[in-house]
PDB file of N, CA and C in Angstrom:
ATOM      1  N   MET A   1      -0.467  59.305-278.762  1.00  0.00           N
ATOM      2  CA  MET A   1       0.667  59.116-278.679  1.00  0.00           C
ATOM      3  C   MET A   1       1.041  58.201-280.027  1.00  0.00           C
ATOM      4  N   PRO A   2       1.525  58.868-280.623  1.00  0.00           N
ATOM      5  CA  PRO A   2       2.126  58.228-282.368  1.00  0.00           C
ATOM      6  C   PRO A   2       3.178  57.144-281.765  1.00  0.00           C
ATOM      7  N   ALA A   3       2.883  55.944-282.329  1.00  0.00           N
ATOM      8  CA  ALA A   3       3.952  54.839-282.188  1.00  0.00           C
ATOM      9  C   ALA A   3       5.324  54.804-283.061  1.00  0.00           C
ATOM     10  N   ARG A   4       5.188  56.040-283.994  1.00  0.00           N
ATOM     11  CA  ARG A   4       6.922  56.121-284.572  1.00  0.00           C
ATOM     12  C   ARG A   4       7.532  56.854-283.709  1.00  0.00           C
ATOM     13  N   TYR A   5       7.117  57.372-282.283  1.00  0.00           N
ATOM     14  CA  TYR A   5       7.985  57.402-281.594  1.00  0.00           C
ATOM     15  C   TYR A   5       8.625  56.727-280.301  1.00  0.00           C
ATOM     16  N   PHE A   6       8.131  55.713-280.457  1.00  0.00           N
ATOM     17  CA  PHE A   6       8.517  54.688-279.093  1.00  0.00           C
ATOM     18  C   PHE A   6      10.244  54.464-279.338  1.00  0.00           C
ATOM     19  N   TYR A   7      10.270  54.332-277.974  1.00  0.00           N
ATOM     20  CA  TYR A   7      11.996  54.105-277.491  1.00  0.00           C
ATOM     21  C   TYR A   7      11.415  53.132-276.372  1.00  0.00           C
ATOM     22  N   PHE A   8      12.545  52.115-276.415  1.00  0.00           N
ATOM     23  CA  PHE A   8      12.690  51.319-275.228  1.00  0.00           C
ATOM     24  C   PHE A   8      14.234  50.853-275.142  1.00  0.00           C
ATOM     25  N   ASP A   9      14.281  50.906-273.743  1.00  0.00           N
ATOM     26  CA  ASP A   9      15.790  50.516-273.382  1.00  0.00           C
ATOM     27  C   ASP A   9      15.698  49.766-272.195  1.00  0.00           C
ATOM     28  N   PRO A  10      15.706  48.510-271.870  1.00  0.00           N
ATOM     29  CA  PRO A  10      15.451  47.664-270.996  1.00  0.00           C
ATOM     30  C   PRO A  10      16.830  47.684-270.005  1.00  0.00           C
ATOM     31  N   THR A  11      17.477  48.384-270.606  1.00  0.00           N
ATOM     32  CA  THR A  11      18.538  48.839-268.905  1.00  0.00           C
ATOM     33  C   THR A  11      18.554  49.734-268.437  1.00  0.00           C
ATOM     34  N   ALA A  12      17.641  50.554-268.724  1.00  0.00           N
ATOM     35  CA  ALA A  12      17.465  52.140-268.175  1.00  0.00           C
ATOM     36  C   ALA A  12      16.331  51.672-266.774  1.00  0.00           C
ATOM     37  N   ASP A  13      16.249  52.831-265.800  1.00  0.00           N
ATOM     38  CA  ASP A  13      15.233  52.895-264.622  1.00  0.00           C
ATOM     39  C   ASP A  13      13.882  53.693-265.064  1.00  0.00           C
ATOM     40  N   GLY A  14      13.118  53.440-264.077  1.00  0.00           N
ATOM     41  CA  GLY A  14      11.774  54.260-264.299  1.00  0.00           C
ATOM     42  C   GLY A  14      11.129  54.338-265.733  1.00  0.00           C
ATOM     43  N   THR A  15      10.887  55.689-265.669  1.00  0.00           N
ATOM     44  CA  THR A  15      10.527  56.260-267.317  1.00  0.00           C
ATOM     45  C   THR A  15      11.130  56.238-268.028  1.00  0.00           C
ATOM     46  N   ALA A  16      12.634  56.008-267.966  1.00  0.00           N
ATOM     47  CA  ALA A  16      13.976  56.368-268.697  1.00  0.00           C
ATOM     48  C   ALA A  16      13.977  54.546-269.500  1.00  0.00           C
ATOM     49  N   VAL A  17      12.927  53.765-269.325  1.00  0.00           N
ATOM     50  CA  VAL A  17      12.797  52.735-270.437  1.00  0.00           C
ATOM     51  C   VAL A  17      12.525  52.905-271.028  1.00  0.00           C
ATOM     52  N   PHE A  18      11.536  53.857-271.482  1.00  0.00           N
ATOM     53  CA  PHE A  18      10.676  54.489-272.431  1.00  0.00           C
ATOM     54  C   PHE A  18      10.563  55.711-273.036  1.00  0.00           C
ATOM     55  N   MET A  19      11.985  56.454-272.279  1.00  0.00           N
ATOM     56  CA  MET A  19      12.257  57.545-273.284  1.00  0.00           C
ATOM     57  C   MET A  19      13.412  57.991-273.010  1.00  0.00           C
ATOM     58  N   GLY A  20      14.090  58.829-273.630  1.00  0.00           N
ATOM     59  CA  GLY A  20      15.464  58.937-273.155  1.00  0.00           C
ATOM     60  C   GLY A  20      15.574  59.864-271.404  1.00  0.00           C
ATOM     61  N   PRO A  21      16.969  59.830-271.002  1.00  0.00           N
ATOM     62  CA  PRO A  21      17.048  60.099-269.756  1.00  0.00           C
ATOM     63  C   PRO A  21      16.639  61.613-269.218  1.00  0.00           C
ATOM     64  N   THR A  22      17.038  62.123-270.611  1.00  0.00           N
ATOM     65  CA  THR A  22      16.698  63.823-270.071  1.00  0.00           C
ATOM     66  C   THR A  22      14.913  63.851-270.468  1.00  0.00           C
ATOM     67  N   GLU A  23      14.464  63.060-271.640  1.00  0.00           N
ATOM     68  CA  GLU A  23      13.262  63.519-271.610  1.00  0.00           C
ATOM     69  C   GLU A  23      12.530  62.951-270.549  1.00  0.00           C
ATOM     70  N   ALA A  24      12.627  61.756-269.853  1.00  0.00           N
ATOM     71  CA  ALA A  24      12.314  60.858-268.485  1.00  0.00           C
ATOM     72  C   ALA A  24      12.219  62.122-267.577  1.00  0.00           C
ATOM     73  N   ARG A  25      13.537  62.561-267.098  1.00  0.00           N
ATOM     74  CA  ARG A  25      13.514  63.578-265.977  1.00  0.00           C
ATOM     75  C   ARG A  25      12.351  65.038-266.279  1.00  0.00           C
ATOM     76  N   LEU A  26      12.381  65.344-267.365  1.00  0.00           N
ATOM     77  CA  LEU A  26      11.306  66.268-267.537  1.00  0.00           C
ATOM     78  C   LEU A  26      10.218  66.069-267.508  1.00  0.00           C
ATOM     79  N   MET A  27       9.854  64.649-268.422  1.00  0.00           N
ATOM     80  CA  MET A  27       8.453  64.431-267.580  1.00  0.00           C
ATOM     81  C   MET A  27       8.501  64.268-266.519  1.00  0.00           C
ATOM     82  N   GLU A  28       8.971  63.570-266.004  1.00  0.00           N
ATOM     83  CA  GLU A  28       8.485  63.373-264.463  1.00  0.00           C
ATOM     84  C   GLU A  28       8.587  64.661-263.385  1.00  0.00           C
ATOM     85  N   ILE A  29       9.222  65.973-263.908  1.00  0.00           N
ATOM     86  CA  ILE A  29       8.723  67.172-263.524  1.00  0.00           C
ATOM     87  C   ILE A  29       7.434  67.479-263.665  1.00  0.00           C
ATOM     88  N   ALA A  30       7.298  67.466-265.346  1.00  0.00           N
ATOM     89  CA  ALA A  30       6.227  68.081-265.964  1.00  0.00           C
ATOM     90  C   ALA A  30       4.684  67.158-265.100  1.00  0.00           C
ATOM     91  N   TRP A  31       4.960  65.691-264.777  1.00  0.00           N
ATOM     92  CA  TRP A  31       3.702  65.099-263.964  1.00  0.00           C
ATOM     93  C   TRP A  31       3.770  65.289-262.413  1.00  0.00           C
ATOM     94  N   SER A  32       4.527  65.694-262.382  1.00  0.00           N
ATOM     95  CA  SER A  32       4.711  66.380-260.856  1.00  0.00           C
ATOM     96  C   SER A  32       4.002  67.887-260.635  1.00  0.00           C
ATOM     97  N   ARG A  33       3.794  68.712-261.575  1.00  0.00           N
ATOM     98  CA  ARG A  33       3.350  70.003-261.804  1.00  0.00           C
ATOM     99  C   ARG A  33       2.344  70.129-263.068  1.00  0.00           C
ATOM    100  N   ASP A  34       1.451  71.318-262.428  1.00  0.00           N
ATOM    101  CA  ASP A  34       0.191  71.347-263.209  1.00  0.00           C
ATOM    102  C   ASP A  34       0.864  71.932-264.676  1.00  0.00           C
ATOM    103  N   SER A  35       1.533  72.961-264.694  1.00  0.00           N
ATOM    104  CA  SER A  35       2.577  73.406-265.875  1.00  0.00           C
ATOM    105  C   SER A  35       3.731  73.506-265.603  1.00  0.00           C
ATOM    106  N   LEU A  36       4.403  73.961-266.336  1.00  0.00           N
ATOM    107  CA  LEU A  36       6.187  74.113-266.281  1.00  0.00           C
ATOM    108  C   LEU A  36       6.321  75.171-267.710  1.00  0.00           C
ATOM    109  N   THR A  37       7.450  75.747-267.281  1.00  0.00           N
ATOM    110  CA  THR A  37       8.133  76.758-268.432  1.00  0.00           C
ATOM    111  C   THR A  37       9.902  75.921-268.434  1.00  0.00           C
ATOM    112  N   VAL A  38      10.409  76.841-269.158  1.00  0.00           N
ATOM    113  CA  VAL A  38      11.714  76.163-269.683  1.00  0.00           C
ATOM    114  C   VAL A  38      12.826  76.393-268.300  1.00  0.00           C
ATOM    115  N   LYS A  39      12.364  77.926-267.793  1.00  0.00           N
ATOM    116  CA  LYS A  39      12.965  78.489-266.235  1.00  0.00           C
ATOM    117  C   LYS A  39      12.402  77.803-265.478  1.00  0.00           C
ATOM    118  N   GLN A  40      11.227  77.125-265.015  1.00  0.00           N
ATOM    119  CA  GLN A  40      10.766  76.278-263.954  1.00  0.00           C
ATOM    120  C   GLN A  40      11.684  74.814-263.720  1.00  0.00           C
ATOM    121  N   ALA A  41      11.896  74.122-265.395  1.00  0.00           N
ATOM    122  CA  ALA A  41      12.274  73.294-265.609  1.00  0.00           C
ATOM    123  C   ALA A  41      13.879  73.267-264.671  1.00  0.00           C
ATOM    124  N   LEU A  42      14.639  74.164-265.384  1.00  0.00           N
ATOM    125  CA  LEU A  42      16.213  74.209-265.055  1.00  0.00           C
ATOM    126  C   LEU A  42      15.856  74.073-263.527  1.00  0.00           C
ATOM    127  N   PHE A  43      15.083  74.985-262.790  1.00  0.00           N
ATOM    128  CA  PHE A  43      15.291  75.126-261.210  1.00  0.00           C
ATOM    129  C   PHE A  43      14.973  73.664-260.400  1.00  0.00           C
ATOM    130  N   GLN A  44      13.960  73.060-261.005  1.00  0.00           N
ATOM    131  CA  GLN A  44      13.814  71.952-260.640  1.00  0.00           C
ATOM    132  C   GLN A  44      14.574  70.586-260.809  1.00  0.00           C
ATOM    133  N   LEU A  45      15.648  71.251-261.930  1.00  0.00           N
ATOM    134  CA  LEU A  45      16.493  69.989-262.186  1.00  0.00           C
ATOM    135  C   LEU A  45      17.695  70.286-261.141  1.00  0.00           C
ATOM    136  N   GLY A  46      17.907  71.335-260.797  1.00  0.00           N
ATOM    137  CA  GLY A  46      18.984  71.894-259.658  1.00  0.00           C
ATOM    138  C   GLY A  46      20.005  71.999-260.314  1.00  0.00           C
ATOM    139  N   GLU A  47      21.016  72.011-259.586  1.00  0.00           N
ATOM    140  CA  GLU A  47      22.519  72.764-259.781  1.00  0.00           C
ATOM    141  C   GLU A  47      23.577  71.185-260.461  1.00  0.00           C
ATOM    142  N   THR A  48      23.049  70.030-259.834  1.00  0.00           N
ATOM    143  CA  THR A  48      23.155  68.693-259.956  1.00  0.00           C
ATOM    144  C   THR A  48      22.977  67.976-261.755  1.00  0.00           C
ATOM    145  N   ASN A  49      21.951  68.556-261.683  1.00  0.00           N
ATOM    146  CA  ASN A  49      21.794  68.151-263.451  1.00  0.00           C
ATOM    147  C   ASN A  49      21.820  69.524-264.037  1.00  0.00           C
ATOM    148  N   ARG A  50      22.569  70.248-264.201  1.00  0.00           N
ATOM    149  CA  ARG A  50      22.199  71.549-264.994  1.00  0.00           C
ATOM    150  C   ARG A  50      22.301  71.227-266.553  1.00  0.00           C
ATOM    151  N   LEU A  51      21.529  71.645-267.260  1.00  0.00           N
ATOM    152  CA  LEU A  51      21.706  71.496-268.765  1.00  0.00           C
ATOM    153  C   LEU A  51      21.543  72.898-269.117  1.00  0.00           C
ATOM    154  N   ALA A  52      21.908  73.314-270.371  1.00  0.00           N
ATOM    155  CA  ALA A  52      21.423  74.674-270.810  1.00  0.00           C
ATOM    156  C   ALA A  52      20.193  74.853-271.252  1.00  0.00           C
ATOM    157  N   TYR A  53      19.872  75.765-271.138  1.00  0.00           N
ATOM    158  CA  TYR A  53      18.372  76.503-271.604  1.00  0.00           C
ATOM    159  C   TYR A  53      18.172  75.974-272.557  1.00  0.00           C
ATOM    160  N   THR A  54      18.668  75.995-273.483  1.00  0.00           N
ATOM    161  CA  THR A  54      18.405  75.832-274.983  1.00  0.00           C
ATOM    162  C   THR A  54      17.958  74.356-274.892  1.00  0.00           C
ATOM    163  N   THR A  55      19.046  73.506-274.589  1.00  0.00           N
ATOM    164  CA  THR A  55      18.668  72.251-274.525  1.00  0.00           C
ATOM    165  C   THR A  55      17.206  71.687-273.675  1.00  0.00           C
ATOM    166  N   VAL A  56      17.091  72.271-272.519  1.00  0.00           N
ATOM    167  CA  VAL A  56      15.750  72.173-271.682  1.00  0.00           C
ATOM    168  C   VAL A  56      14.859  72.503-272.860  1.00  0.00           C
ATOM    169  N   MET A  57      14.983  73.666-273.350  1.00  0.00           N
ATOM    170  CA  MET A  57      14.018  74.276-274.309  1.00  0.00           C
ATOM    171  C   MET A  57      13.521  73.332-275.821  1.00  0.00           C
ATOM    172  N   THR A  58      14.696  72.567-276.073  1.00  0.00           N
ATOM    173  CA  THR A  58      14.550  71.825-277.558  1.00  0.00           C
ATOM    174  C   THR A  58      14.043  70.442-276.652  1.00  0.00           C
ATOM    175  N   VAL A  59      14.494  70.187-275.538  1.00  0.00           N
ATOM    176  CA  VAL A  59      13.712  68.583-275.432  1.00  0.00           C
ATOM    177  C   VAL A  59      12.272  68.754-274.951  1.00  0.00           C
ATOM    178  N   LEU A  60      11.592  69.824-274.109  1.00  0.00           N
ATOM    179  CA  LEU A  60      10.210  70.231-273.740  1.00  0.00           C
ATOM    180  C   LEU A  60       9.600  70.426-275.281  1.00  0.00           C
ATOM    181  N   SER A  61      10.151  70.863-276.265  1.00  0.00           N
ATOM    182  CA  SER A  61       9.462  70.986-277.628  1.00  0.00           C
ATOM    183  C   SER A  61       9.219  69.694-278.106  1.00  0.00           C
ATOM    184  N   ARG A  62      10.724  69.185-277.577  1.00  0.00           N
ATOM    185  CA  ARG A  62      10.000  67.590-279.131  1.00  0.00           C
ATOM    186  C   ARG A  62       9.369  66.583-278.217  1.00  0.00           C
ATOM    187  N   LEU A  63       9.415  66.833-276.575  1.00  0.00           N
ATOM    188  CA  LEU A  63       7.967  66.048-276.341  1.00  0.00           C
ATOM    189  C   LEU A  63       6.400  66.805-276.336  1.00  0.00           C
ATOM    190  N   ALA A  64       6.542  68.230-276.748  1.00  0.00           N
ATOM    191  CA  ALA A  64       5.535  68.395-277.315  1.00  0.00           C
ATOM    192  C   ALA A  64       5.031  67.936-278.557  1.00  0.00           C
ATOM    193  N   ASP A  65       5.858  67.750-279.619  1.00  0.00           N
ATOM    194  CA  ASP A  65       6.206  67.288-280.725  1.00  0.00           C
ATOM    195  C   ASP A  65       5.583  65.684-280.853  1.00  0.00           C
ATOM    196  N   LYS A  66       5.810  65.220-279.834  1.00  0.00           N
ATOM    197  CA  LYS A  66       5.309  63.522-279.672  1.00  0.00           C
ATOM    198  C   LYS A  66       4.256  63.491-278.836  1.00  0.00           C
ATOM    199  N   GLN A  67       3.809  64.626-278.738  1.00  0.00           N
ATOM    200  CA  GLN A  67       2.368  64.552-278.323  1.00  0.00           C
ATOM    201  C   GLN A  67       1.952  64.063-276.641  1.00  0.00           C
ATOM    202  N   LEU A  68       3.253  64.618-275.977  1.00  0.00           N
ATOM    203  CA  LEU A  68       3.373  64.283-274.426  1.00  0.00           C
ATOM    204  C   LEU A  68       3.241  65.375-273.538  1.00  0.00           C
ATOM    205  N   LEU A  69       3.186  66.140-274.178  1.00  0.00           N
ATOM    206  CA  LEU A  69       3.114  67.816-273.339  1.00  0.00           C
ATOM    207  C   LEU A  69       2.194  68.815-274.382  1.00  0.00           C
ATOM    208  N   SER A  70       1.397  69.347-273.882  1.00  0.00           N
ATOM    209  CA  SER A  70       1.044  70.448-274.412  1.00  0.00           C
ATOM    210  C   SER A  70       1.983  71.691-274.614  1.00  0.00           C
ATOM    211  N   ARG A  71       1.580  72.684-275.241  1.00  0.00           N
ATOM    212  CA  ARG A  71       2.618  73.432-275.695  1.00  0.00           C
ATOM    213  C   ARG A  71       1.830  75.261-275.593  1.00  0.00           C
ATOM    214  N   LYS A  72       1.779  76.015-275.240  1.00  0.00           N
ATOM    215  CA  LYS A  72       1.081  77.479-275.100  1.00  0.00           C
ATOM    216  C   LYS A  72       1.920  78.524-274.772  1.00  0.00           C
ATOM    217  N   LYS A  73       2.115  79.293-275.661  1.00  0.00           N
ATOM    218  CA  LYS A  73       2.513  80.531-275.689  1.00  0.00           C
ATOM    219  C   LYS A  73       1.751  81.475-274.681  1.00  0.00           C
ATOM    220  N   VAL A  74       2.920  82.151-273.704  1.00  0.00           N
ATOM    221  CA  VAL A  74       1.936  82.532-272.793  1.00  0.00           C
ATOM    222  C   VAL A  74       3.169  84.118-272.877  1.00  0.00           C
ATOM    223  N   GLY A  75       2.670  84.921-272.728  1.00  0.00           N
ATOM    224  CA  GLY A  75       3.679  86.434-273.413  1.00  0.00           C
ATOM    225  C   GLY A  75       5.158  85.718-273.865  1.00  0.00           C
ATOM    226  N   ARG A  76       6.393  85.856-273.266  1.00  0.00           N
ATOM    227  CA  ARG A  76       7.224  85.286-273.966  1.00  0.00           C
ATOM    228  C   ARG A  76       7.828  84.064-274.163  1.00  0.00           C
ATOM    229  N   SER A  77       7.354  83.348-273.349  1.00  0.00           N
ATOM    230  CA  SER A  77       7.328  82.277-272.710  1.00  0.00           C
ATOM    231  C   SER A  77       6.204  80.983-273.304  1.00  0.00           C
ATOM    232  N   PHE A  78       7.167  79.787-273.141  1.00  0.00           N
ATOM    233  CA  PHE A  78       5.921  78.435-273.778  1.00  0.00           C
ATOM    234  C   PHE A  78       5.519  78.042-272.099  1.00  0.00           C
ATOM    235  N   VAL A  79       4.256  77.590-271.777  1.00  0.00           N
ATOM    236  CA  VAL A  79       4.153  76.726-270.851  1.00  0.00           C
ATOM    237  C   VAL A  79       3.326  75.223-271.517  1.00  0.00           C
ATOM    238  N   TYR A  80       4.433  74.552-270.625  1.00  0.00           N
ATOM    239  CA  TYR A  80       3.979  73.028-271.026  1.00  0.00           C
ATOM    240  C   TYR A  80       3.196  72.335-270.020  1.00  0.00           C
ATOM    241  N   ARG A  81       1.928  71.456-270.567  1.00  0.00           N
ATOM    242  CA  ARG A  81       1.621  70.103-269.728  1.00  0.00           C
ATOM    243  C   ARG A  81       1.281  69.268-269.955  1.00  0.00           C
ATOM    244  N   PRO A  82       1.195  68.106-269.180  1.00  0.00           N
ATOM    245  CA  PRO A  82       1.290  66.909-269.609  1.00  0.00           C
ATOM    246  C   PRO A  82      -0.102  66.832-270.389  1.00  0.00           C
ATOM    247  N   MET A  83      -0.206  65.751-271.264  1.00  0.00           N
ATOM    248  CA  MET A  83      -1.191  65.477-272.274  1.00  0.00           C
ATOM    249  C   MET A  83      -1.726  64.370-271.938  1.00  0.00           C
ATOM    250  N   ILE A  84      -1.094  63.400-270.897  1.00  0.00           N
ATOM    251  CA  ILE A  84      -1.185  62.399-270.619  1.00  0.00           C
ATOM    252  C   ILE A  84      -0.686  61.651-269.207  1.00  0.00           C
ATOM    253  N   ASP A  85      -1.483  61.068-268.173  1.00  0.00           N
ATOM    254  CA  ASP A  85      -0.981  60.873-267.072  1.00  0.00           C
ATOM    255  C   ASP A  85      -0.012  59.625-266.716  1.00  0.00           C
ATOM    256  N   LYS A  86       0.982  60.050-266.104  1.00  0.00           N
ATOM    257  CA  LYS A  86       1.832  58.985-265.708  1.00  0.00           C
ATOM    258  C   LYS A  86       1.334  57.747-266.116  1.00  0.00           C
ATOM    259  N   ALA A  87       0.758  57.049-265.187  1.00  0.00           N
ATOM    260  CA  ALA A  87       0.118  55.567-265.069  1.00  0.00           C
ATOM    261  C   ALA A  87      -0.678  55.378-266.673  1.00  0.00           C
ATOM    262  N   THR A  88      -1.461  56.016-266.987  1.00  0.00           N
ATOM    263  CA  THR A  88      -1.669  56.027-268.320  1.00  0.00           C
ATOM    264  C   THR A  88      -0.719  55.390-269.076  1.00  0.00           C
ATOM    265  N   TYR A  89       0.310  56.542-269.418  1.00  0.00           N
ATOM    266  CA  TYR A  89       1.563  56.726-270.308  1.00  0.00           C
ATOM    267  C   TYR A  89       2.358  55.458-270.280  1.00  0.00           C
ATOM    268  N   LEU A  90       2.438  54.654-268.688  1.00  0.00           N
ATOM    269  CA  LEU A  90       3.097  53.401-268.100  1.00  0.00           C
ATOM    270  C   LEU A  90       2.465  52.080-268.938  1.00  0.00           C
ATOM    271  N   LYS A  91       1.054  52.672-268.832  1.00  0.00           N
ATOM    272  CA  LYS A  91       0.308  50.971-268.930  1.00  0.00           C
ATOM    273  C   LYS A  91      -0.025  51.196-270.830  1.00  0.00           C
ATOM    274  N   THR A  92       0.061  51.781-271.378  1.00  0.00           N
ATOM    275  CA  THR A  92       0.187  52.025-272.788  1.00  0.00           C
ATOM    276  C   THR A  92       1.395  51.643-273.327  1.00  0.00           C
ATOM    277  N   ARG A  93       2.520  52.252-272.667  1.00  0.00           N
ATOM    278  CA  ARG A  93       3.970  51.653-273.148  1.00  0.00           C
ATOM    279  C   ARG A  93       4.375  50.063-272.875  1.00  0.00           C
ATOM    280  N   VAL A  94       3.794  49.580-271.448  1.00  0.00           N
ATOM    281  CA  VAL A  94       3.780  48.080-270.824  1.00  0.00           C
ATOM    282  C   VAL A  94       3.040  47.277-272.135  1.00  0.00           C
ATOM    283  N   LYS A  95       2.001  47.670-271.808  1.00  0.00           N
ATOM    284  CA  LYS A  95       1.063  46.804-273.247  1.00  0.00           C
ATOM    285  C   LYS A  95       1.464  46.750-274.522  1.00  0.00           C
ATOM    286  N   THR A  96       1.861  48.146-275.152  1.00  0.00           N
ATOM    287  CA  THR A  96       2.485  47.835-276.176  1.00  0.00           C
ATOM    288  C   THR A  96       3.685  47.008-276.468  1.00  0.00           C
ATOM    289  N   VAL A  97       4.723  47.065-275.209  1.00  0.00           N
ATOM    290  CA  VAL A  97       6.111  45.720-275.153  1.00  0.00           C
ATOM    291  C   VAL A  97       5.229  44.891-275.550  1.00  0.00           C
ATOM    292  N   ALA A  98       4.523  44.246-274.531  1.00  0.00           N
ATOM    293  CA  ALA A  98       4.054  43.046-274.219  1.00  0.00           C
ATOM    294  C   ALA A  98       3.118  42.485-275.118  1.00  0.00           C
ATOM    295  N   ASP A  99       2.690  43.150-276.034  1.00  0.00           N
ATOM    296  CA  ASP A  99       1.978  42.896-277.448  1.00  0.00           C
ATOM    297  C   ASP A  99       3.279  42.259-278.664  1.00  0.00           C
ATOM    298  N   CYS A 100       4.040  42.998-278.697  1.00  0.00           N
ATOM    299  CA  CYS A 100       5.015  43.108-279.505  1.00  0.00           C
ATOM    300  C   CYS A 100       5.607  41.756-279.065  1.00  0.00           C
ATOM    301  N   MET A 101       6.388  41.386-277.951  1.00  0.00           N
ATOM    302  CA  MET A 101       6.490  40.277-277.657  1.00  0.00           C
ATOM    303  C   MET A 101       5.547  38.904-277.501  1.00  0.00           C
ATOM    304  N   SER A 102       5.107  38.858-277.515  1.00  0.00           N
ATOM    305  CA  SER A 102       3.803  37.880-277.810  1.00  0.00           C
ATOM    306  C   SER A 102       3.394  37.499-279.204  1.00  0.00           C
ATOM    307  N   ARG A 103       3.637  38.621-280.064  1.00  0.00           N
ATOM    308  CA  ARG A 103       3.235  38.687-281.267  1.00  0.00           C
ATOM    309  C   ARG A 103       4.905  38.068-282.179  1.00  0.00           C
ATOM    310  N   ASN A 104       5.602  38.540-281.664  1.00  0.00           N
ATOM    311  CA  ASN A 104       7.127  38.209-282.315  1.00  0.00           C
ATOM    312  C   ASN A 104       7.532  36.655-281.718  1.00  0.00           C
ATOM    313  N   PHE A 105       7.583  36.423-280.591  1.00  0.00           N
ATOM    314  CA  PHE A 105       7.802  35.057-279.960  1.00  0.00           C
ATOM    315  C   PHE A 105       6.733  34.241-278.928  1.00  0.00           C
ATOM    316  N   ALA A 106       5.717  34.488-279.719  1.00  0.00           N
ATOM    317  CA  ALA A 106       4.641  33.395-279.213  1.00  0.00           C
ATOM    318  C   ALA A 106       4.853  32.106-279.612  1.00  0.00           C
ATOM    319  N   LYS A 107       5.514  31.964-280.883  1.00  0.00           N
ATOM    320  CA  LYS A 107       5.653  30.412-281.381  1.00  0.00           C
ATOM    321  C   LYS A 107       7.344  29.362-281.104  1.00  0.00           C
ATOM    322  N   LEU A 108       7.925  30.290-279.949  1.00  0.00           N
ATOM    323  CA  LEU A 108       8.724  29.463-279.776  1.00  0.00           C
ATOM    324  C   LEU A 108       8.981  28.448-278.967  1.00  0.00           C
ATOM    325  N   PRO A 109       9.460  27.504-279.019  1.00  0.00           N
ATOM    326  CA  PRO A 109       9.402  26.229-278.264  1.00  0.00           C
ATOM    327  C   PRO A 109       9.297  26.337-277.052  1.00  0.00           C
TER     328      PRO A 109
END
């Protein structure tokens, strides 16, 4: 998981602390399944969280670019799979924040 994609919002809830809210919702869905297509993601989001097909496609593609999801073309669709489990992802992100805080603020009085 490249550091250049680091995101941190201490006011957010859950995994949205470390990624945007739409990314977080889609990653939660991906972590709960073995594989995921855009259509499946739209179904899982439900009517209350309705996003455009192209929006979900773009966000899943960007998560693949960030190496959080793998992407494989199957027929006319892409199938996405998590490349890292949720616990490992969270441990890595929390450690990165803790290391940053320690490095930058260890000398405070």
